[in-house]
Amino acid sequence: MGNYIAARHPSVSPISVVIDNAKYNISREIKEWFGREACRIKPIYLPSYAPNLNMIERFWRFMKRKVLHNKYYPKLADFRAAFDAFFANIGGWEAELETLLTPKFHFIGAPANGIP
């Protein structure tokens, strides 16, 4: 993935990539890879608990709001059916999801450079 990102942005150095603190993102191997002299990618780690910055957490929150919030399912089958229906009709939520799942982060203290 890193080589793909570097190839897409040949004139940008360093390339800032926002990632979470999952074990695989902070492993020794990944740190060594980012630490190579030829590596133009600079990881910016999200804070340990920042679900509002992590897109998958935003999605899970949205899904729970649509499927679980103020709802009662008398049987497990009803509960499962509600989730199945959510995913089967996910295209119907496209407009709402587009407002939540945006990769445009604004780094505090960084100049507005127009890079999405």
N, C-alpha and C. Protein backbone atom coordinates (compact mmCIF):
# COMPACT_ATOMS: atom_id res chain seq x y z
N MET A 1 0.83 -1.19 0.00
CA MET A 1 0.00 0.00 0.00
C MET A 1 0.87 1.25 0.00
N GLY A 2 1.94 1.23 0.76
CA GLY A 2 2.80 2.40 0.84
C GLY A 2 3.41 2.77 -0.51
N ASN A 3 3.83 1.77 -1.27
CA ASN A 3 4.39 2.04 -2.58
C ASN A 3 3.33 2.61 -3.52
N TYR A 4 2.11 2.13 -3.39
CA TYR A 4 0.99 2.64 -4.20
C TYR A 4 0.76 4.12 -3.89
N ILE A 5 0.74 4.46 -2.62
CA ILE A 5 0.52 5.86 -2.21
C ILE A 5 1.66 6.73 -2.73
N ALA A 6 2.89 6.28 -2.58
CA ALA A 6 4.04 7.06 -3.04
C ALA A 6 4.00 7.25 -4.56
N ALA A 7 3.58 6.23 -5.29
CA ALA A 7 3.50 6.33 -6.74
C ALA A 7 2.41 7.31 -7.19
N ARG A 8 1.33 7.38 -6.44
CA ARG A 8 0.23 8.30 -6.79
C ARG A 8 0.59 9.75 -6.51
N HIS A 9 1.55 9.98 -5.64
CA HIS A 9 1.94 11.34 -5.26
C HIS A 9 3.46 11.50 -5.39
N PRO A 10 3.96 11.46 -6.63
CA PRO A 10 5.42 11.48 -6.81
C PRO A 10 6.11 12.77 -6.38
N SER A 11 5.39 13.89 -6.36
CA SER A 11 6.04 15.16 -6.04
C SER A 11 5.83 15.60 -4.59
N VAL A 12 5.09 14.81 -3.81
CA VAL A 12 4.81 15.20 -2.43
C VAL A 12 5.80 14.50 -1.50
N SER A 13 6.40 15.30 -0.62
CA SER A 13 7.30 14.73 0.37
C SER A 13 7.33 15.64 1.59
N PRO A 14 7.06 15.19 2.77
CA PRO A 14 6.60 13.84 3.08
C PRO A 14 5.10 13.69 2.78
N ILE A 15 4.68 12.45 2.69
CA ILE A 15 3.27 12.13 2.50
C ILE A 15 2.72 11.74 3.87
N SER A 16 1.78 12.52 4.36
CA SER A 16 1.20 12.24 5.68
C SER A 16 0.04 11.26 5.52
N VAL A 17 0.07 10.19 6.32
CA VAL A 17 -0.98 9.18 6.30
C VAL A 17 -1.52 9.04 7.72
N VAL A 18 -2.82 9.22 7.87
CA VAL A 18 -3.45 9.11 9.18
C VAL A 18 -3.86 7.67 9.40
N ILE A 19 -3.39 7.07 10.49
CA ILE A 19 -3.72 5.69 10.82
C ILE A 19 -4.02 5.57 12.31
N ASP A 20 -4.73 4.52 12.67
CA ASP A 20 -5.07 4.33 14.07
C ASP A 20 -3.97 3.55 14.78
N ASN A 21 -4.16 3.29 16.05
CA ASN A 21 -3.16 2.62 16.86
C ASN A 21 -3.38 1.11 16.97
N ALA A 22 -3.98 0.51 15.95
CA ALA A 22 -4.14 -0.94 15.95
C ALA A 22 -2.76 -1.59 16.02
N LYS A 23 -2.70 -2.76 16.62
CA LYS A 23 -1.40 -3.44 16.83
C LYS A 23 -0.61 -3.57 15.54
N TYR A 24 -1.30 -3.90 14.44
CA TYR A 24 -0.58 -4.09 13.17
C TYR A 24 -0.04 -2.77 12.62
N ASN A 25 -0.57 -1.63 13.04
CA ASN A 25 -0.07 -0.34 12.57
C ASN A 25 1.11 0.18 13.39
N ILE A 26 1.31 -0.40 14.56
CA ILE A 26 2.43 0.05 15.40
C ILE A 26 3.44 -1.07 15.63
N SER A 27 3.39 -2.10 14.81
CA SER A 27 4.31 -3.23 14.96
C SER A 27 5.75 -2.79 14.65
N ARG A 28 6.69 -3.56 15.09
CA ARG A 28 8.10 -3.27 14.85
C ARG A 28 8.38 -3.20 13.36
N GLU A 29 7.80 -4.13 12.59
CA GLU A 29 8.03 -4.17 11.14
C GLU A 29 7.54 -2.89 10.46
N ILE A 30 6.36 -2.42 10.85
CA ILE A 30 5.81 -1.20 10.26
C ILE A 30 6.66 0.00 10.64
N LYS A 31 7.06 0.07 11.89
CA LYS A 31 7.90 1.19 12.32
C LYS A 31 9.23 1.20 11.56
N GLU A 32 9.79 0.00 11.34
CA GLU A 32 11.03 -0.08 10.56
C GLU A 32 10.80 0.38 9.12
N TRP A 33 9.65 -0.02 8.56
CA TRP A 33 9.34 0.36 7.18
C TRP A 33 9.21 1.87 7.06
N PHE A 34 8.48 2.50 7.99
CA PHE A 34 8.34 3.96 7.98
C PHE A 34 9.67 4.64 8.26
N GLY A 35 10.55 3.99 8.99
CA GLY A 35 11.82 4.58 9.37
C GLY A 35 12.91 4.51 8.31
N ARG A 36 12.64 3.80 7.21
CA ARG A 36 13.64 3.71 6.15
C ARG A 36 13.95 5.10 5.59
N GLU A 37 15.19 5.31 5.21
CA GLU A 37 15.60 6.60 4.67
C GLU A 37 14.83 6.95 3.39
N ALA A 38 14.52 5.96 2.57
CA ALA A 38 13.84 6.21 1.30
C ALA A 38 12.33 6.38 1.45
N CYS A 39 11.80 6.15 2.63
CA CYS A 39 10.35 6.23 2.84
C CYS A 39 9.90 7.68 2.95
N ARG A 40 9.00 8.07 2.06
CA ARG A 40 8.47 9.44 2.07
C ARG A 40 7.17 9.53 2.86
N ILE A 41 6.69 8.41 3.36
CA ILE A 41 5.41 8.38 4.07
C ILE A 41 5.64 8.61 5.56
N LYS A 42 4.91 9.58 6.10
CA LYS A 42 5.02 9.91 7.52
C LYS A 42 3.69 9.54 8.19
N PRO A 43 3.72 8.58 9.11
CA PRO A 43 2.46 8.21 9.77
C PRO A 43 2.05 9.26 10.80
N ILE A 44 0.78 9.55 10.82
CA ILE A 44 0.21 10.40 11.86
C ILE A 44 -0.79 9.52 12.58
N TYR A 45 -0.45 9.14 13.81
CA TYR A 45 -1.30 8.23 14.57
C TYR A 45 -2.43 8.98 15.26
N LEU A 46 -3.61 8.42 15.14
CA LEU A 46 -4.76 8.97 15.85
C LEU A 46 -4.55 8.79 17.34
N PRO A 47 -5.15 9.63 18.15
CA PRO A 47 -5.06 9.42 19.60
C PRO A 47 -5.65 8.05 19.97
N SER A 48 -5.26 7.54 21.11
CA SER A 48 -5.69 6.21 21.53
C SER A 48 -7.20 6.03 21.50
N TYR A 49 -7.93 7.02 21.92
CA TYR A 49 -9.37 6.91 21.87
C TYR A 49 -9.92 8.14 21.16
N ALA A 50 -10.18 7.99 19.88
CA ALA A 50 -10.71 9.09 19.09
C ALA A 50 -11.67 8.54 18.04
N PRO A 51 -12.79 7.97 18.47
CA PRO A 51 -13.70 7.36 17.50
C PRO A 51 -14.27 8.35 16.49
N ASN A 52 -14.33 9.62 16.86
CA ASN A 52 -14.84 10.61 15.91
C ASN A 52 -13.89 10.83 14.74
N LEU A 53 -12.63 10.45 14.88
CA LEU A 53 -11.65 10.61 13.81
C LEU A 53 -11.49 9.36 12.95
N ASN A 54 -11.97 8.23 13.44
CA ASN A 54 -11.81 6.96 12.75
C ASN A 54 -13.07 6.68 11.95
N MET A 55 -12.94 6.57 10.62
CA MET A 55 -14.12 6.42 9.76
C MET A 55 -14.93 5.17 10.07
N ILE A 56 -14.28 4.06 10.40
CA ILE A 56 -15.07 2.85 10.68
C ILE A 56 -15.87 3.03 11.95
N GLU A 57 -15.35 3.76 12.92
CA GLU A 57 -16.11 4.03 14.14
C GLU A 57 -17.31 4.92 13.84
N ARG A 58 -17.14 5.86 12.92
CA ARG A 58 -18.27 6.69 12.51
C ARG A 58 -19.36 5.83 11.88
N PHE A 59 -18.93 4.88 11.04
CA PHE A 59 -19.90 4.00 10.39
C PHE A 59 -20.63 3.14 11.41
N TRP A 60 -19.89 2.54 12.37
CA TRP A 60 -20.53 1.69 13.39
C TRP A 60 -21.54 2.51 14.19
N ARG A 61 -21.20 3.73 14.52
CA ARG A 61 -22.11 4.58 15.28
C ARG A 61 -23.38 4.87 14.47
N PHE A 62 -23.21 5.16 13.20
CA PHE A 62 -24.35 5.40 12.32
C PHE A 62 -25.24 4.17 12.25
N MET A 63 -24.62 3.00 12.05
CA MET A 63 -25.37 1.75 11.95
C MET A 63 -26.14 1.48 13.23
N LYS A 64 -25.50 1.66 14.37
CA LYS A 64 -26.18 1.43 15.64
C LYS A 64 -27.35 2.39 15.83
N ARG A 65 -27.17 3.64 15.40
CA ARG A 65 -28.25 4.61 15.52
C ARG A 65 -29.45 4.19 14.67
N LYS A 66 -29.20 3.65 13.49
CA LYS A 66 -30.28 3.26 12.60
C LYS A 66 -30.93 1.94 13.02
N VAL A 67 -30.16 1.02 13.57
CA VAL A 67 -30.67 -0.32 13.85
C VAL A 67 -31.03 -0.53 15.32
N LEU A 68 -30.29 0.06 16.24
CA LEU A 68 -30.47 -0.23 17.65
C LEU A 68 -31.14 0.86 18.48
N HIS A 69 -30.89 2.10 18.13
CA HIS A 69 -31.34 3.22 18.97
C HIS A 69 -32.87 3.22 19.15
N ASN A 70 -33.29 3.17 20.41
CA ASN A 70 -34.71 3.19 20.78
C ASN A 70 -35.54 2.10 20.10
N LYS A 71 -34.92 0.94 19.93
CA LYS A 71 -35.63 -0.17 19.31
C LYS A 71 -35.55 -1.39 20.22
N TYR A 72 -36.59 -2.18 20.16
CA TYR A 72 -36.64 -3.41 20.94
C TYR A 72 -36.92 -4.56 19.98
N TYR A 73 -36.13 -5.59 20.08
CA TYR A 73 -36.32 -6.78 19.25
C TYR A 73 -36.62 -7.94 20.18
N PRO A 74 -37.85 -8.48 20.13
CA PRO A 74 -38.23 -9.53 21.07
C PRO A 74 -37.47 -10.84 20.87
N LYS A 75 -36.97 -11.07 19.68
CA LYS A 75 -36.25 -12.33 19.40
C LYS A 75 -34.93 -12.02 18.71
N LEU A 76 -33.98 -12.93 18.90
CA LEU A 76 -32.68 -12.79 18.25
C LEU A 76 -32.85 -12.74 16.74
N ALA A 77 -33.78 -13.50 16.21
CA ALA A 77 -34.01 -13.50 14.76
C ALA A 77 -34.44 -12.12 14.27
N ASP A 78 -35.22 -11.40 15.06
CA ASP A 78 -35.63 -10.05 14.70
C ASP A 78 -34.44 -9.09 14.71
N PHE A 79 -33.59 -9.27 15.69
CA PHE A 79 -32.37 -8.47 15.83
C PHE A 79 -31.48 -8.68 14.61
N ARG A 80 -31.25 -9.93 14.25
CA ARG A 80 -30.43 -10.24 13.07
C ARG A 80 -31.06 -9.71 11.80
N ALA A 81 -32.36 -9.85 11.67
CA ALA A 81 -33.06 -9.38 10.48
C ALA A 81 -32.91 -7.86 10.32
N ALA A 82 -32.89 -7.13 11.41
CA ALA A 82 -32.74 -5.69 11.35
C ALA A 82 -31.36 -5.32 10.79
N PHE A 83 -30.33 -6.01 11.24
CA PHE A 83 -28.99 -5.76 10.72
C PHE A 83 -28.88 -6.20 9.27
N ASP A 84 -29.45 -7.34 8.95
CA ASP A 84 -29.43 -7.81 7.55
C ASP A 84 -30.11 -6.79 6.64
N ALA A 85 -31.23 -6.25 7.08
CA ALA A 85 -31.96 -5.26 6.28
C ALA A 85 -31.14 -3.98 6.11
N PHE A 86 -30.45 -3.58 7.17
CA PHE A 86 -29.60 -2.39 7.09
C PHE A 86 -28.56 -2.56 5.99
N PHE A 87 -27.84 -3.70 6.01
CA PHE A 87 -26.79 -3.91 5.03
C PHE A 87 -27.34 -4.19 3.64
N ALA A 88 -28.49 -4.83 3.55
CA ALA A 88 -29.10 -5.10 2.24
C ALA A 88 -29.53 -3.81 1.56
N ASN A 89 -29.85 -2.81 2.34
CA ASN A 89 -30.33 -1.54 1.79
C ASN A 89 -29.37 -0.39 2.07
N ILE A 90 -28.10 -0.69 2.15
CA ILE A 90 -27.12 0.34 2.52
C ILE A 90 -27.08 1.49 1.52
N GLY A 91 -27.41 1.22 0.27
CA GLY A 91 -27.44 2.28 -0.73
C GLY A 91 -28.45 3.38 -0.41
N GLY A 92 -29.47 3.03 0.35
CA GLY A 92 -30.46 4.01 0.74
C GLY A 92 -29.95 5.03 1.74
N TRP A 93 -28.84 4.74 2.35
CA TRP A 93 -28.23 5.64 3.34
C TRP A 93 -27.09 6.45 2.74
N GLU A 94 -26.90 6.36 1.43
CA GLU A 94 -25.72 6.95 0.79
C GLU A 94 -25.53 8.44 1.11
N ALA A 95 -26.57 9.22 1.00
CA ALA A 95 -26.44 10.67 1.23
C ALA A 95 -25.99 10.96 2.66
N GLU A 96 -26.56 10.25 3.63
CA GLU A 96 -26.17 10.47 5.03
C GLU A 96 -24.75 9.99 5.28
N LEU A 97 -24.39 8.85 4.70
CA LEU A 97 -23.05 8.30 4.91
C LEU A 97 -21.98 9.18 4.28
N GLU A 98 -22.28 9.80 3.16
CA GLU A 98 -21.30 10.68 2.51
C GLU A 98 -20.91 11.84 3.40
N THR A 99 -21.82 12.31 4.23
CA THR A 99 -21.49 13.43 5.11
C THR A 99 -20.65 12.97 6.31
N LEU A 100 -20.77 11.70 6.69
CA LEU A 100 -20.03 11.18 7.84
C LEU A 100 -18.68 10.59 7.46
N LEU A 101 -18.61 9.94 6.33
CA LEU A 101 -17.42 9.18 5.96
C LEU A 101 -16.59 9.95 4.95
N THR A 102 -16.04 11.04 5.39
CA THR A 102 -15.21 11.86 4.52
C THR A 102 -13.75 11.75 4.97
N PRO A 103 -12.84 11.57 4.03
CA PRO A 103 -11.42 11.46 4.40
C PRO A 103 -10.73 12.81 4.53
N LYS A 104 -11.47 13.90 4.51
CA LYS A 104 -10.85 15.23 4.57
C LYS A 104 -10.62 15.64 6.01
N PHE A 105 -9.39 15.43 6.47
CA PHE A 105 -9.02 15.81 7.82
C PHE A 105 -8.32 17.15 7.78
N HIS A 106 -8.45 17.90 8.82
CA HIS A 106 -7.76 19.17 8.95
C HIS A 106 -6.79 19.05 10.11
N PHE A 107 -5.50 19.15 9.81
CA PHE A 107 -4.49 19.03 10.84
C PHE A 107 -4.37 20.36 11.59
N ILE A 108 -4.49 20.29 12.88
CA ILE A 108 -4.41 21.50 13.70
C ILE A 108 -3.00 22.08 13.60
N GLY A 109 -2.95 23.35 13.29
CA GLY A 109 -1.66 24.02 13.20
C GLY A 109 -1.00 23.90 11.83
N ALA A 110 -1.59 23.15 10.91
CA ALA A 110 -1.00 22.99 9.57
C ALA A 110 -1.65 23.99 8.62
N PRO A 111 -0.89 24.47 7.66
CA PRO A 111 -1.49 25.40 6.69
C PRO A 111 -2.52 24.68 5.83
N ALA A 112 -3.52 25.40 5.38
CA ALA A 112 -4.53 24.83 4.49
C ALA A 112 -3.90 24.70 3.11
N ASN A 113 -3.53 23.49 2.73
CA ASN A 113 -2.82 23.30 1.47
C ASN A 113 -3.72 22.74 0.37
N GLY A 114 -4.99 22.50 0.65
CA GLY A 114 -5.90 22.03 -0.38
C GLY A 114 -5.79 20.56 -0.69
N ILE A 115 -4.96 19.82 0.01
CA ILE A 115 -4.83 18.39 -0.25
C ILE A 115 -5.99 17.68 0.43
N PRO A 116 -6.79 16.92 -0.33
CA PRO A 116 -7.93 16.22 0.29
C PRO A 116 -7.48 15.08 1.17
